[in-house]
């Protein structure tokens, strides 16, 4: 498609400097793609619950900072408390 635009030279040069693009055509295409991407995010906002579920996160908790060293004793104690001395 052929498009004729009048763009301020200072604005065009600043955009080229920031993006590293030298071609006017590439710069306009990049700007349009960026605008579409930003607008589509506001139209279809990201659902935090879906992102969380898709992340594979399995849980968190608080505990002894030395748990990796004494997990067997901790687990044994928890099982005794839950099921009685065996």
Protein backbone atom coordinates (compact mmCIF):
# COMPACT_ATOMS: atom_id res chain seq x y z
CA UNK A 1 0.00 0.00 0.00
CA UNK A 2 1.27 3.45 -0.82
CA UNK A 3 0.90 6.05 1.94
CA UNK A 4 1.96 9.67 1.93
CA UNK A 5 2.66 11.25 5.33
CA UNK A 6 3.88 14.56 6.62
CA UNK A 7 5.85 13.93 9.81
CA UNK A 8 7.89 16.50 11.72
CA UNK A 9 11.58 15.90 10.92
CA UNK A 10 12.67 16.27 14.55
CA UNK A 11 10.08 13.70 15.67
CA UNK A 12 11.06 11.31 12.88
CA UNK A 13 14.78 11.64 13.66
CA UNK A 14 14.17 11.12 17.39
CA UNK A 15 12.12 7.98 16.69
CA UNK A 16 14.84 6.64 14.40
CA UNK A 17 17.49 7.33 17.02
CA UNK A 18 15.52 5.60 19.79
CA UNK A 19 14.55 2.55 17.74
CA UNK A 20 17.71 2.21 15.67
CA UNK A 21 15.55 1.95 12.55
CA UNK A 22 16.67 3.94 9.52
CA UNK A 23 13.94 3.21 7.02
CA UNK A 24 10.87 5.45 7.26
CA UNK A 25 8.74 2.50 6.18
CA UNK A 26 10.16 0.22 8.91
CA UNK A 27 9.65 2.95 11.50
CA UNK A 28 6.00 3.49 10.56
CA UNK A 29 5.30 -0.27 10.48
CA UNK A 30 6.95 -0.71 13.89
CA UNK A 31 4.98 2.19 15.36
CA UNK A 32 1.69 0.83 14.03
CA UNK A 33 2.45 -2.68 15.32
CA UNK A 34 3.34 -1.23 18.74
CA UNK A 35 0.13 0.79 18.83
CA UNK A 36 -1.96 -2.25 17.90
CA UNK A 37 -0.21 -4.34 20.57
CA UNK A 38 -0.79 -1.71 23.27
CA UNK A 39 -4.43 -1.17 22.34
CA UNK A 40 -5.16 -4.90 22.19
CA UNK A 41 -3.78 -5.30 25.72
CA UNK A 42 -6.18 -2.67 27.01
CA UNK A 43 -9.11 -4.22 25.12
CA UNK A 44 -8.23 -7.78 26.19
CA UNK A 45 -6.53 -7.32 29.57
CA UNK A 46 -4.42 -10.14 30.94
CA UNK A 47 -6.32 -12.32 33.40
CA UNK A 48 -4.06 -12.66 36.46
CA UNK A 49 -5.78 -15.88 37.55
CA UNK A 50 -5.09 -17.52 34.18
CA UNK A 51 -1.46 -16.40 34.27
CA UNK A 52 -1.11 -17.77 37.81
CA UNK A 53 -2.67 -21.12 36.91
CA UNK A 54 -0.54 -21.44 33.78
CA UNK A 55 2.66 -20.67 35.71
CA UNK A 56 2.92 -24.09 37.31
CA UNK A 57 3.19 -22.58 40.79
CA UNK A 58 2.47 -25.32 43.35
CA UNK A 59 2.50 -23.49 46.66
CA UNK A 60 4.41 -21.68 49.33
CA UNK A 61 4.60 -21.63 53.08
CA UNK A 62 6.61 -20.68 56.09
CA UNK A 63 8.87 -22.94 57.98
CA UNK A 64 12.22 -23.59 59.51
CA UNK A 65 14.97 -22.02 57.40
CA UNK A 66 17.05 -25.15 58.06
CA UNK A 67 14.32 -27.48 56.78
CA UNK A 68 16.50 -28.90 54.01
CA UNK A 69 18.87 -30.15 56.72
CA UNK A 70 16.31 -31.44 59.22
CA UNK A 71 13.24 -32.30 57.15
CA UNK A 72 13.20 -35.94 58.29
CA UNK A 73 12.97 -35.02 61.97
CA UNK A 74 10.34 -32.35 61.23
CA UNK A 75 8.24 -34.78 59.16
CA UNK A 76 8.55 -37.50 61.80
CA UNK A 77 7.36 -35.08 64.48
CA UNK A 78 4.42 -33.89 62.39
CA UNK A 79 3.36 -37.47 61.70
CA UNK A 80 3.61 -38.34 65.42
CA UNK A 81 1.43 -35.35 66.29
CA UNK A 82 -1.12 -36.26 63.67
CA UNK A 83 -1.25 -40.04 64.13
CA UNK A 84 0.09 -40.54 67.64
CA UNK A 85 3.26 -42.29 68.78
CA UNK A 86 3.96 -45.40 66.74
